[in-house]
Structure formats: C-alpha cells, structure tokens
C-alpha cells in the first residue's frame, strides 16, 4: 500500500516540478528542460529529481541553476501540494534520452549496411 502512495507522490511531484521550472528566474535555467523521473524516499525527506536538458552544452549550468533554485522550488511545491513535509530536492542529470538516441542511430546504421 505504501508503494502506491509513494508512486502517486512521485508522479505529482514530477508534474508540479515540470510546471514550476518555467517560473524559475535564474538565467542559467533556460532551454528545453524536462523532468524525466522523481524518486522519493519512503519517509518523504528526500527526492531525487532526474532532469534531461536538450542542449548538452549548457547542461552543467542548468544543473547549477536548478540546485540554486531548489529552495524556491521546494517552497512552491509546499504551496501546491497537500503534504505534511515537502522533500528536499536533489537534481540529477538524466542522459537516458541521449543514450536512447545513440542506440537508435546505431540501429539505423546497421539497417543501412544490410541493404
């Protein structure tokens, strides 16, 4: 039963954070940024937020900006969600989309060699 609750909280945090990223005023947080996943501990003290950045050249600056804005985002989550305690946010760069695109490119290359 607790896993269902944590799963729902993770989904709600992901949805709210995706919307809140547009309101961050830090100039480093620009471009196409998407929250790919959120993993919350069972005691709701910490949450790992996996973020994908389209422009890889600015990814490090975007991550620094998100870490800087973590307090603001946590406060806004507290206003938006009805939780007893809002977890501390840890932002982690997710490069799974890049890896998937690379694998797709390799597969397409094999398909062309087969012709």
C-alpha atoms as a PDB file:
ATOM      1  CA  UNK A   1       0.000   0.000   0.000  1.00  0.00           C
ATOM      2  CA  UNK A   2       2.829   2.403   0.800  1.00  0.00           C
ATOM      3  CA  UNK A   3       4.399   1.833  -2.637  1.00  0.00           C
ATOM      4  CA  UNK A   4       1.220   3.045  -4.337  1.00  0.00           C
ATOM      5  CA  UNK A   5       1.271   6.192  -2.231  1.00  0.00           C
ATOM      6  CA  UNK A   6       4.944   6.874  -2.955  1.00  0.00           C
ATOM      7  CA  UNK A   7       4.317   6.266  -6.658  1.00  0.00           C
ATOM      8  CA  UNK A   8       1.443   8.755  -6.688  1.00  0.00           C
ATOM      9  CA  UNK A   9       3.534  11.307  -4.799  1.00  0.00           C
ATOM     10  CA  UNK A  10       6.401  10.826  -7.271  1.00  0.00           C
ATOM     11  CA  UNK A  11       4.057  11.427 -10.204  1.00  0.00           C
ATOM     12  CA  UNK A  12       2.555  14.504  -8.595  1.00  0.00           C
ATOM     13  CA  UNK A  13       5.987  15.925  -7.757  1.00  0.00           C
ATOM     14  CA  UNK A  14       7.111  15.331 -11.345  1.00  0.00           C
ATOM     15  CA  UNK A  15       4.034  17.059 -12.744  1.00  0.00           C
ATOM     16  CA  UNK A  16       4.333  20.071 -10.421  1.00  0.00           C
ATOM     17  CA  UNK A  17       8.084  20.451 -10.898  1.00  0.00           C
ATOM     18  CA  UNK A  18       7.673  20.373 -14.674  1.00  0.00           C
ATOM     19  CA  UNK A  19       5.264  23.280 -14.408  1.00  0.00           C
ATOM     20  CA  UNK A  20       7.364  25.156 -11.843  1.00  0.00           C
ATOM     21  CA  UNK A  21      10.572  25.019 -13.907  1.00  0.00           C
ATOM     22  CA  UNK A  22       9.097  27.683 -16.178  1.00  0.00           C
ATOM     23  CA  UNK A  23       8.802  30.101 -13.241  1.00  0.00           C
ATOM     24  CA  UNK A  24      12.460  29.891 -12.151  1.00  0.00           C
ATOM     25  CA  UNK A  25      14.083  33.276 -12.699  1.00  0.00           C
ATOM     26  CA  UNK A  26      17.675  32.037 -12.669  1.00  0.00           C
ATOM     27  CA  UNK A  27      19.189  32.917 -16.072  1.00  0.00           C
ATOM     28  CA  UNK A  28      21.068  29.601 -16.148  1.00  0.00           C
ATOM     29  CA  UNK A  29      17.796  27.652 -16.233  1.00  0.00           C
ATOM     30  CA  UNK A  30      16.887  28.125 -19.892  1.00  0.00           C
ATOM     31  CA  UNK A  31      16.170  25.939 -22.872  1.00  0.00           C
ATOM     32  CA  UNK A  32      14.174  22.756 -23.127  1.00  0.00           C
ATOM     33  CA  UNK A  33      14.317  21.096 -19.711  1.00  0.00           C
ATOM     34  CA  UNK A  34      12.177  18.107 -18.800  1.00  0.00           C
ATOM     35  CA  UNK A  35      11.725  16.223 -15.560  1.00  0.00           C
ATOM     36  CA  UNK A  36      12.032  12.574 -16.548  1.00  0.00           C
ATOM     37  CA  UNK A  37      11.507  10.936 -13.146  1.00  0.00           C
ATOM     38  CA  UNK A  38      11.271  11.562  -9.414  1.00  0.00           C
ATOM     39  CA  UNK A  39      12.280   9.058  -6.736  1.00  0.00           C
ATOM     40  CA  UNK A  40      11.185   9.867  -3.202  1.00  0.00           C
ATOM     41  CA  UNK A  41      12.365   8.073  -0.076  1.00  0.00           C
ATOM     42  CA  UNK A  42       9.693   6.296   1.947  1.00  0.00           C
ATOM     43  CA  UNK A  43       9.903   8.854   4.760  1.00  0.00           C
ATOM     44  CA  UNK A  44       9.413  11.722   2.246  1.00  0.00           C
ATOM     45  CA  UNK A  45      12.552  13.511   3.431  1.00  0.00           C
ATOM     46  CA  UNK A  46      14.488  13.445   0.152  1.00  0.00           C
ATOM     47  CA  UNK A  47      13.604  13.300  -3.522  1.00  0.00           C
ATOM     48  CA  UNK A  48      15.913  12.649  -6.449  1.00  0.00           C
ATOM     49  CA  UNK A  49      14.731  14.623  -9.449  1.00  0.00           C
ATOM     50  CA  UNK A  50      16.065  13.354 -12.783  1.00  0.00           C
ATOM     51  CA  UNK A  51      16.294  16.157 -15.322  1.00  0.00           C
ATOM     52  CA  UNK A  52      17.023  15.981 -19.041  1.00  0.00           C
ATOM     53  CA  UNK A  53      18.414  19.018 -20.870  1.00  0.00           C
ATOM     54  CA  UNK A  54      18.166  19.206 -24.656  1.00  0.00           C
ATOM     55  CA  UNK A  55      21.208  21.454 -25.184  1.00  0.00           C
ATOM     56  CA  UNK A  56      24.110  19.428 -23.796  1.00  0.00           C
ATOM     57  CA  UNK A  57      26.496  22.412 -23.925  1.00  0.00           C
ATOM     58  CA  UNK A  58      24.511  24.250 -21.233  1.00  0.00           C
ATOM     59  CA  UNK A  59      23.610  21.203 -19.138  1.00  0.00           C
ATOM     60  CA  UNK A  60      26.111  21.897 -16.346  1.00  0.00           C
ATOM     61  CA  UNK A  61      24.964  25.500 -15.982  1.00  0.00           C
ATOM     62  CA  UNK A  62      21.322  24.405 -15.960  1.00  0.00           C
ATOM     63  CA  UNK A  63      22.046  21.874 -13.212  1.00  0.00           C
ATOM     64  CA  UNK A  64      23.842  24.538 -11.130  1.00  0.00           C
ATOM     65  CA  UNK A  65      20.870  26.846 -11.602  1.00  0.00           C
ATOM     66  CA  UNK A  66      18.425  24.145 -10.531  1.00  0.00           C
ATOM     67  CA  UNK A  67      20.473  23.361  -7.425  1.00  0.00           C
ATOM     68  CA  UNK A  68      20.475  27.057  -6.634  1.00  0.00           C
ATOM     69  CA  UNK A  69      16.696  27.284  -7.081  1.00  0.00           C
ATOM     70  CA  UNK A  70      15.951  24.143  -5.024  1.00  0.00           C
ATOM     71  CA  UNK A  71      14.728  26.138  -2.019  1.00  0.00           C
ATOM     72  CA  UNK A  72      12.333  28.176  -4.155  1.00  0.00           C
ATOM     73  CA  UNK A  73      11.012  25.050  -5.871  1.00  0.00           C
ATOM     74  CA  UNK A  74      10.555  23.276  -2.545  1.00  0.00           C
ATOM     75  CA  UNK A  75       8.596  26.216  -1.133  1.00  0.00           C
ATOM     76  CA  UNK A  76       6.359  26.380  -4.199  1.00  0.00           C
ATOM     77  CA  UNK A  77       5.768  22.618  -4.006  1.00  0.00           C
ATOM     78  CA  UNK A  78       4.684  23.099  -0.401  1.00  0.00           C
ATOM     79  CA  UNK A  79       2.065  25.615  -1.528  1.00  0.00           C
ATOM     80  CA  UNK A  80       0.860  23.464  -4.426  1.00  0.00           C
ATOM     81  CA  UNK A  81       0.732  20.046  -2.743  1.00  0.00           C
ATOM     82  CA  UNK A  82      -1.005  18.925   0.412  1.00  0.00           C
ATOM     83  CA  UNK A  83       1.908  17.096   2.059  1.00  0.00           C
ATOM     84  CA  UNK A  84       2.932  17.076   5.695  1.00  0.00           C
ATOM     85  CA  UNK A  85       6.562  17.611   4.733  1.00  0.00           C
ATOM     86  CA  UNK A  86       7.962  18.552   1.358  1.00  0.00           C
ATOM     87  CA  UNK A  87      11.096  16.547   0.490  1.00  0.00           C
ATOM     88  CA  UNK A  88      14.484  18.137  -0.075  1.00  0.00           C
ATOM     89  CA  UNK A  89      15.224  18.132  -3.784  1.00  0.00           C
ATOM     90  CA  UNK A  90      18.382  16.695  -5.320  1.00  0.00           C
ATOM     91  CA  UNK A  91      18.717  17.318  -9.048  1.00  0.00           C
ATOM     92  CA  UNK A  92      20.463  14.666 -11.143  1.00  0.00           C
ATOM     93  CA  UNK A  93      21.200  14.976 -14.837  1.00  0.00           C
ATOM     94  CA  UNK A  94      19.476  12.216 -16.794  1.00  0.00           C
ATOM     95  CA  UNK A  95      21.136  11.305 -20.066  1.00  0.00           C
ATOM     96  CA  UNK A  96      18.932   8.313 -20.889  1.00  0.00           C
ATOM     97  CA  UNK A  97      17.310  10.205 -23.781  1.00  0.00           C
ATOM     98  CA  UNK A  98      20.750  10.803 -25.319  1.00  0.00           C
ATOM     99  CA  UNK A  99      21.665   7.150 -24.856  1.00  0.00           C
ATOM    100  CA  UNK A 100      18.402   6.070 -26.478  1.00  0.00           C
ATOM    101  CA  UNK A 101      19.014   8.374 -29.445  1.00  0.00           C
ATOM    102  CA  UNK A 102      22.546   6.980 -29.816  1.00  0.00           C
ATOM    103  CA  UNK A 103      21.276   3.389 -29.795  1.00  0.00           C
ATOM    104  CA  UNK A 104      18.621   4.292 -32.368  1.00  0.00           C
ATOM    105  CA  UNK A 105      21.312   5.850 -34.551  1.00  0.00           C
ATOM    106  CA  UNK A 106      23.419   2.697 -34.298  1.00  0.00           C
ATOM    107  CA  UNK A 107      20.436   0.539 -35.244  1.00  0.00           C
ATOM    108  CA  UNK A 108      19.698   2.716 -38.254  1.00  0.00           C
ATOM    109  CA  UNK A 109      23.344   2.401 -39.290  1.00  0.00           C
ATOM    110  CA  UNK A 110      23.057  -1.408 -39.164  1.00  0.00           C
ATOM    111  CA  UNK A 111      19.899  -1.265 -41.242  1.00  0.00           C
ATOM    112  CA  UNK A 112      21.665   0.748 -43.958  1.00  0.00           C
ATOM    113  CA  UNK A 113      24.614  -1.667 -44.035  1.00  0.00           C
ATOM    114  CA  UNK A 114      22.232  -4.582 -44.504  1.00  0.00           C
ATOM    115  CA  UNK A 115      20.777  -3.091 -47.696  1.00  0.00           C
END
